[in-house]
N, C-alpha and C. Protein backbone atom coordinates (compact mmCIF):
# COMPACT_ATOMS: atom_id res chain seq x y z
N MET A 1 104.24 70.22 76.01
CA MET A 1 104.66 71.51 76.53
C MET A 1 105.89 71.99 75.75
N THR A 2 105.88 73.24 75.37
CA THR A 2 106.96 73.80 74.58
C THR A 2 108.08 74.28 75.49
N THR A 3 109.30 73.99 75.11
CA THR A 3 110.46 74.46 75.87
C THR A 3 110.82 75.84 75.36
N ARG A 4 111.03 76.77 76.30
CA ARG A 4 111.40 78.14 75.93
C ARG A 4 112.83 78.41 76.36
N THR A 5 113.51 79.21 75.58
CA THR A 5 114.88 79.59 75.92
C THR A 5 114.84 80.70 76.96
N ALA A 6 115.97 80.93 77.59
CA ALA A 6 116.06 82.01 78.57
C ALA A 6 115.74 83.36 77.92
N ALA A 7 116.20 83.56 76.70
CA ALA A 7 115.93 84.81 75.98
C ALA A 7 114.43 84.99 75.74
N GLN A 8 113.75 83.90 75.42
CA GLN A 8 112.30 83.97 75.21
C GLN A 8 111.58 84.31 76.51
N ARG A 9 112.03 83.70 77.62
CA ARG A 9 111.41 83.99 78.92
C ARG A 9 111.62 85.46 79.31
N ARG A 10 112.83 85.99 79.04
CA ARG A 10 113.10 87.40 79.35
C ARG A 10 112.22 88.30 78.48
N ALA A 11 112.07 87.97 77.23
CA ALA A 11 111.23 88.77 76.32
C ALA A 11 109.78 88.76 76.79
N GLU A 12 109.28 87.62 77.23
CA GLU A 12 107.92 87.54 77.74
C GLU A 12 107.76 88.37 79.00
N ALA A 13 108.76 88.32 79.87
CA ALA A 13 108.70 89.12 81.11
C ALA A 13 108.69 90.61 80.79
N ARG A 14 109.52 91.02 79.80
CA ARG A 14 109.54 92.44 79.40
C ARG A 14 108.19 92.87 78.87
N ALA A 15 107.56 92.02 78.09
CA ALA A 15 106.26 92.36 77.52
C ALA A 15 105.19 92.47 78.61
N ALA A 16 105.43 91.80 79.73
CA ALA A 16 104.44 91.80 80.81
C ALA A 16 104.63 92.96 81.78
N TYR A 17 105.69 93.77 81.63
CA TYR A 17 105.89 94.88 82.55
C TYR A 17 104.72 95.84 82.46
N ASP A 18 104.15 96.17 83.61
CA ASP A 18 103.03 97.10 83.68
C ASP A 18 103.12 97.84 85.01
N ALA A 19 103.51 99.09 84.96
CA ALA A 19 103.73 99.88 86.17
C ALA A 19 102.46 100.07 86.99
N PHE A 20 101.30 99.78 86.42
CA PHE A 20 100.07 99.88 87.20
C PHE A 20 99.86 98.67 88.10
N VAL A 21 100.66 97.62 87.90
CA VAL A 21 100.60 96.43 88.75
C VAL A 21 101.54 96.65 89.92
N ALA A 22 101.05 96.45 91.13
CA ALA A 22 101.81 96.78 92.34
C ALA A 22 103.18 96.11 92.41
N GLN A 23 103.30 94.88 91.97
CA GLN A 23 104.55 94.15 92.10
C GLN A 23 105.50 94.36 90.91
N CYS A 24 105.13 95.14 89.96
CA CYS A 24 105.95 95.31 88.76
C CYS A 24 107.25 96.05 89.12
N PRO A 25 108.40 95.53 88.68
CA PRO A 25 109.68 96.18 89.00
C PRO A 25 109.84 97.56 88.36
N THR A 26 109.03 97.87 87.37
CA THR A 26 109.14 99.21 86.78
C THR A 26 108.77 100.30 87.78
N ARG A 27 107.99 99.95 88.80
CA ARG A 27 107.67 100.94 89.83
C ARG A 27 108.91 101.41 90.56
N GLN A 28 109.83 100.49 90.83
CA GLN A 28 111.08 100.87 91.49
C GLN A 28 111.88 101.81 90.61
N LEU A 29 111.90 101.51 89.32
CA LEU A 29 112.63 102.37 88.39
C LEU A 29 111.97 103.75 88.29
N LEU A 30 110.66 103.78 88.21
CA LEU A 30 109.96 105.07 88.16
C LEU A 30 110.20 105.88 89.43
N ASP A 31 110.22 105.19 90.56
CA ASP A 31 110.50 105.87 91.83
C ASP A 31 111.90 106.48 91.79
N ARG A 32 112.85 105.74 91.27
CA ARG A 32 114.23 106.22 91.19
C ARG A 32 114.33 107.45 90.29
N ILE A 33 113.78 107.36 89.08
CA ILE A 33 113.98 108.47 88.14
C ILE A 33 113.11 109.68 88.47
N ALA A 34 112.13 109.52 89.36
CA ALA A 34 111.31 110.66 89.77
C ALA A 34 112.01 111.51 90.82
N ASP A 35 113.11 111.03 91.37
CA ASP A 35 113.85 111.77 92.38
C ASP A 35 114.48 113.01 91.76
N LYS A 36 114.38 114.14 92.45
CA LYS A 36 114.89 115.39 91.87
C LYS A 36 116.39 115.35 91.63
N TRP A 37 117.17 114.72 92.52
CA TRP A 37 118.62 114.69 92.32
C TRP A 37 118.99 113.79 91.15
N VAL A 38 118.26 112.71 90.96
CA VAL A 38 118.49 111.85 89.81
C VAL A 38 118.22 112.63 88.53
N SER A 39 117.08 113.30 88.49
CA SER A 39 116.73 114.09 87.30
C SER A 39 117.79 115.12 86.98
N LEU A 40 118.20 115.87 87.99
CA LEU A 40 119.17 116.93 87.75
C LEU A 40 120.55 116.38 87.41
N ALA A 41 120.94 115.27 88.03
CA ALA A 41 122.23 114.66 87.71
C ALA A 41 122.25 114.17 86.26
N LEU A 42 121.17 113.56 85.82
CA LEU A 42 121.10 113.09 84.44
C LEU A 42 121.19 114.25 83.46
N VAL A 43 120.49 115.32 83.74
CA VAL A 43 120.52 116.48 82.84
C VAL A 43 121.92 117.11 82.84
N ALA A 44 122.56 117.19 84.00
CA ALA A 44 123.92 117.74 84.07
C ALA A 44 124.89 116.86 83.29
N LEU A 45 124.76 115.54 83.44
CA LEU A 45 125.67 114.63 82.74
C LEU A 45 125.40 114.59 81.24
N ALA A 46 124.23 115.05 80.81
CA ALA A 46 123.96 115.13 79.37
C ALA A 46 124.88 116.13 78.70
N GLU A 47 125.43 117.06 79.47
CA GLU A 47 126.37 118.05 78.94
C GLU A 47 127.73 117.42 78.65
N GLY A 48 127.98 116.24 79.23
CA GLY A 48 129.26 115.55 79.06
C GLY A 48 129.72 115.00 80.40
N PRO A 49 130.80 114.23 80.38
CA PRO A 49 131.32 113.65 81.63
C PRO A 49 131.68 114.74 82.64
N HIS A 50 131.46 114.43 83.89
CA HIS A 50 131.77 115.36 84.98
C HIS A 50 132.50 114.61 86.09
N ARG A 51 133.36 115.31 86.76
CA ARG A 51 133.96 114.80 87.98
C ARG A 51 132.96 115.04 89.11
N TYR A 52 133.17 114.32 90.20
CA TYR A 52 132.26 114.42 91.34
C TYR A 52 132.12 115.86 91.81
N SER A 53 133.25 116.56 91.97
CA SER A 53 133.21 117.94 92.47
C SER A 53 132.47 118.87 91.51
N GLU A 54 132.60 118.62 90.22
CA GLU A 54 131.88 119.42 89.23
C GLU A 54 130.37 119.21 89.38
N LEU A 55 129.97 117.95 89.56
CA LEU A 55 128.54 117.66 89.75
C LEU A 55 128.02 118.30 91.03
N ALA A 56 128.82 118.23 92.09
CA ALA A 56 128.41 118.82 93.37
C ALA A 56 128.17 120.32 93.22
N ARG A 57 129.02 120.99 92.45
CA ARG A 57 128.82 122.43 92.22
C ARG A 57 127.61 122.69 91.33
N ARG A 58 127.44 121.86 90.32
CA ARG A 58 126.34 122.04 89.36
C ARG A 58 124.99 121.82 90.01
N LEU A 59 124.90 120.85 90.92
CA LEU A 59 123.65 120.51 91.59
C LEU A 59 123.60 121.24 92.94
N ALA A 60 123.40 122.53 92.88
CA ALA A 60 123.42 123.35 94.09
C ALA A 60 122.44 122.81 95.12
N GLY A 61 122.94 122.64 96.34
CA GLY A 61 122.07 122.21 97.43
C GLY A 61 122.11 120.72 97.72
N VAL A 62 122.74 119.92 96.86
CA VAL A 62 122.81 118.48 97.11
C VAL A 62 123.90 118.22 98.15
N SER A 63 123.61 117.34 99.10
CA SER A 63 124.62 116.98 100.10
C SER A 63 125.58 115.95 99.50
N GLN A 64 126.74 115.83 100.10
CA GLN A 64 127.73 114.86 99.63
C GLN A 64 127.15 113.46 99.70
N LYS A 65 126.46 113.15 100.79
CA LYS A 65 125.87 111.83 100.96
C LYS A 65 124.83 111.54 99.87
N MET A 66 123.97 112.51 99.60
CA MET A 66 122.92 112.32 98.61
C MET A 66 123.48 112.19 97.20
N LEU A 67 124.50 112.98 96.88
CA LEU A 67 125.10 112.89 95.54
C LEU A 67 125.79 111.54 95.36
N THR A 68 126.51 111.10 96.38
CA THR A 68 127.17 109.79 96.32
C THR A 68 126.15 108.68 96.13
N GLN A 69 125.09 108.73 96.91
CA GLN A 69 124.03 107.71 96.83
C GLN A 69 123.36 107.75 95.46
N THR A 70 123.08 108.93 94.96
CA THR A 70 122.45 109.09 93.65
C THR A 70 123.32 108.50 92.55
N LEU A 71 124.59 108.83 92.56
CA LEU A 71 125.49 108.33 91.51
C LEU A 71 125.66 106.82 91.60
N ARG A 72 125.73 106.29 92.79
CA ARG A 72 125.83 104.82 92.94
C ARG A 72 124.58 104.13 92.40
N ASN A 73 123.42 104.68 92.72
CA ASN A 73 122.17 104.10 92.23
C ASN A 73 122.08 104.17 90.71
N LEU A 74 122.49 105.29 90.14
CA LEU A 74 122.47 105.44 88.68
C LEU A 74 123.45 104.48 88.02
N GLU A 75 124.59 104.27 88.65
CA GLU A 75 125.56 103.32 88.12
C GLU A 75 125.00 101.90 88.22
N ARG A 76 124.38 101.58 89.35
CA ARG A 76 123.79 100.25 89.53
C ARG A 76 122.70 99.97 88.50
N ASP A 77 121.92 100.99 88.17
CA ASP A 77 120.84 100.83 87.20
C ASP A 77 121.33 100.88 85.75
N GLY A 78 122.61 101.10 85.56
CA GLY A 78 123.16 101.11 84.21
C GLY A 78 122.94 102.40 83.45
N LEU A 79 122.63 103.47 84.16
CA LEU A 79 122.39 104.76 83.51
C LEU A 79 123.63 105.63 83.46
N VAL A 80 124.56 105.37 84.38
CA VAL A 80 125.79 106.17 84.49
C VAL A 80 126.97 105.22 84.59
N SER A 81 128.07 105.60 83.96
CA SER A 81 129.31 104.84 84.12
C SER A 81 130.30 105.67 84.93
N ARG A 82 131.09 104.97 85.70
CA ARG A 82 132.09 105.61 86.57
C ARG A 82 133.46 105.18 86.06
N THR A 83 134.32 106.17 85.79
CA THR A 83 135.65 105.90 85.29
C THR A 83 136.68 106.43 86.27
N VAL A 84 137.59 105.54 86.69
CA VAL A 84 138.66 105.91 87.62
C VAL A 84 139.96 105.99 86.81
N THR A 85 140.61 107.14 86.87
CA THR A 85 141.87 107.36 86.18
C THR A 85 142.98 107.44 87.21
N PRO A 86 143.95 106.52 87.13
CA PRO A 86 145.04 106.57 88.11
C PRO A 86 145.85 107.86 87.96
N ALA A 87 145.94 108.58 89.01
CA ALA A 87 146.70 109.83 89.07
C ALA A 87 146.86 110.16 90.54
N VAL A 88 147.54 111.23 90.83
CA VAL A 88 147.64 111.70 92.21
C VAL A 88 147.06 113.10 92.24
N PRO A 89 145.89 113.31 92.83
CA PRO A 89 144.99 112.29 93.38
C PRO A 89 144.26 111.54 92.26
N VAL A 90 143.62 110.45 92.62
CA VAL A 90 142.86 109.64 91.66
C VAL A 90 141.74 110.49 91.07
N ARG A 91 141.54 110.39 89.76
CA ARG A 91 140.46 111.12 89.08
C ARG A 91 139.30 110.16 88.84
N VAL A 92 138.13 110.57 89.28
CA VAL A 92 136.92 109.79 89.04
C VAL A 92 135.96 110.67 88.26
N SER A 93 135.46 110.14 87.16
CA SER A 93 134.49 110.91 86.38
C SER A 93 133.26 110.04 86.11
N TYR A 94 132.17 110.71 85.87
CA TYR A 94 130.89 110.05 85.63
C TYR A 94 130.37 110.50 84.27
N ALA A 95 129.80 109.55 83.55
CA ALA A 95 129.24 109.84 82.23
C ALA A 95 127.98 109.01 82.03
N LEU A 96 127.13 109.47 81.15
CA LEU A 96 125.92 108.71 80.84
C LEU A 96 126.25 107.51 79.96
N THR A 97 125.56 106.42 80.19
CA THR A 97 125.62 105.28 79.29
C THR A 97 124.61 105.56 78.16
N PRO A 98 124.59 104.75 77.13
CA PRO A 98 123.59 104.99 76.07
C PRO A 98 122.14 105.00 76.60
N VAL A 99 121.81 104.09 77.50
CA VAL A 99 120.44 104.10 78.04
C VAL A 99 120.23 105.33 78.93
N GLY A 100 121.28 105.77 79.61
CA GLY A 100 121.19 107.01 80.40
C GLY A 100 120.98 108.22 79.52
N GLU A 101 121.63 108.22 78.36
CA GLU A 101 121.45 109.33 77.41
C GLU A 101 120.01 109.40 76.92
N SER A 102 119.41 108.24 76.69
CA SER A 102 118.02 108.24 76.22
C SER A 102 117.08 108.80 77.29
N LEU A 103 117.37 108.54 78.55
CA LEU A 103 116.54 109.06 79.64
C LEU A 103 116.85 110.54 79.90
N ALA A 104 118.10 110.93 79.78
CA ALA A 104 118.48 112.32 80.05
C ALA A 104 117.76 113.30 79.13
N GLY A 105 117.52 112.89 77.90
CA GLY A 105 116.78 113.75 76.97
C GLY A 105 115.37 114.02 77.47
N LEU A 106 114.73 112.98 77.98
CA LEU A 106 113.38 113.13 78.53
C LEU A 106 113.40 114.02 79.78
N MET A 107 114.38 113.80 80.63
CA MET A 107 114.48 114.59 81.86
C MET A 107 114.78 116.06 81.55
N GLY A 108 115.59 116.27 80.54
CA GLY A 108 115.86 117.65 80.12
C GLY A 108 114.60 118.34 79.64
N ALA A 109 113.75 117.60 78.93
CA ALA A 109 112.48 118.17 78.47
C ALA A 109 111.58 118.49 79.65
N ILE A 110 111.53 117.63 80.64
CA ILE A 110 110.71 117.87 81.82
C ILE A 110 111.24 119.08 82.59
N LYS A 111 112.57 119.16 82.74
CA LYS A 111 113.18 120.32 83.41
C LYS A 111 112.82 121.60 82.67
N GLY A 112 112.93 121.58 81.35
CA GLY A 112 112.58 122.76 80.55
C GLY A 112 111.11 123.14 80.70
N TRP A 113 110.24 122.11 80.72
CA TRP A 113 108.81 122.37 80.89
C TRP A 113 108.56 123.04 82.24
N ALA A 114 109.20 122.53 83.29
CA ALA A 114 109.01 123.10 84.63
C ALA A 114 109.47 124.55 84.67
N GLU A 115 110.61 124.84 84.08
CA GLU A 115 111.12 126.21 84.08
C GLU A 115 110.21 127.14 83.27
N GLU A 116 109.69 126.63 82.16
CA GLU A 116 108.83 127.45 81.29
C GLU A 116 107.46 127.73 81.92
N HIS A 117 106.94 126.79 82.69
CA HIS A 117 105.59 126.91 83.22
C HIS A 117 105.51 127.26 84.70
N MET A 118 106.63 127.60 85.30
CA MET A 118 106.64 127.87 86.73
C MET A 118 105.73 129.03 87.12
N GLU A 119 105.71 130.07 86.32
CA GLU A 119 104.85 131.23 86.64
C GLU A 119 103.38 130.84 86.66
N VAL A 120 102.96 130.01 85.70
CA VAL A 120 101.56 129.56 85.65
C VAL A 120 101.24 128.72 86.88
N VAL A 121 102.17 127.83 87.26
CA VAL A 121 101.96 126.97 88.43
C VAL A 121 101.89 127.81 89.70
N LEU A 122 102.77 128.78 89.83
CA LEU A 122 102.75 129.65 91.01
C LEU A 122 101.44 130.42 91.10
N ALA A 123 100.95 130.91 89.97
CA ALA A 123 99.68 131.64 89.96
C ALA A 123 98.53 130.70 90.34
N ALA A 124 98.54 129.47 89.84
CA ALA A 124 97.50 128.50 90.17
C ALA A 124 97.53 128.16 91.66
N ARG A 125 98.73 128.01 92.21
CA ARG A 125 98.85 127.74 93.65
C ARG A 125 98.29 128.88 94.48
N ALA A 126 98.64 130.09 94.09
CA ALA A 126 98.16 131.26 94.83
C ALA A 126 96.63 131.34 94.77
N ALA A 127 96.06 131.12 93.59
CA ALA A 127 94.61 131.16 93.44
C ALA A 127 93.95 130.06 94.26
N TYR A 128 94.52 128.88 94.26
CA TYR A 128 93.98 127.77 95.04
C TYR A 128 94.04 128.08 96.52
N ASP A 129 95.19 128.58 96.96
CA ASP A 129 95.37 128.90 98.38
C ASP A 129 94.42 130.01 98.82
N ASP A 130 94.21 131.01 97.95
CA ASP A 130 93.27 132.09 98.26
C ASP A 130 91.85 131.54 98.38
N GLY A 131 91.49 130.60 97.51
CA GLY A 131 90.17 129.97 97.56
C GLY A 131 90.01 129.12 98.81
N ALA A 132 91.07 128.40 99.19
CA ALA A 132 91.02 127.57 100.39
C ALA A 132 90.89 128.43 101.63
N ASP A 133 91.58 129.60 101.64
CA ASP A 133 91.48 130.50 102.77
C ASP A 133 90.08 131.07 102.89
N ALA A 134 89.45 131.37 101.75
CA ALA A 134 88.10 131.92 101.76
C ALA A 134 87.11 130.86 102.24
N ALA A 135 87.32 129.61 101.88
CA ALA A 135 86.42 128.54 102.30
C ALA A 135 86.56 128.25 103.80
N ASP A 136 87.74 128.47 104.35
CA ASP A 136 87.97 128.25 105.78
C ASP A 136 87.33 129.33 106.64
N ALA A 137 87.10 130.49 106.04
CA ALA A 137 86.59 131.63 106.82
C ALA A 137 85.13 131.50 107.14
């Protein structure tokens, strides 16, 4: 039997990641990044570091609890870094990590796609709903 190093075992585990498998941890990550507040926070932070209050204003409609939870989760996942600067009052800013930057680009593209195609989607919804109403009659 061949002895494998910890690095080799980690590499084998990475190669085995398959989000179509129910127990795969990538499902948790996909669930996290599919959240609208996560997506919008990443795109906002792609503009540069932001303080909490700046993010709260930028992400219109997000509650304080949800923004705090979102930022903590992003920090835990290694996508965002939190920097505390001693001052009165204390300054806390959030910035993307390199892996967060790589994801923010993708999220920005998805956001742009949604904004560009919203009219088509709205028209498709209306047509579908009109067809469903006719079928119910």
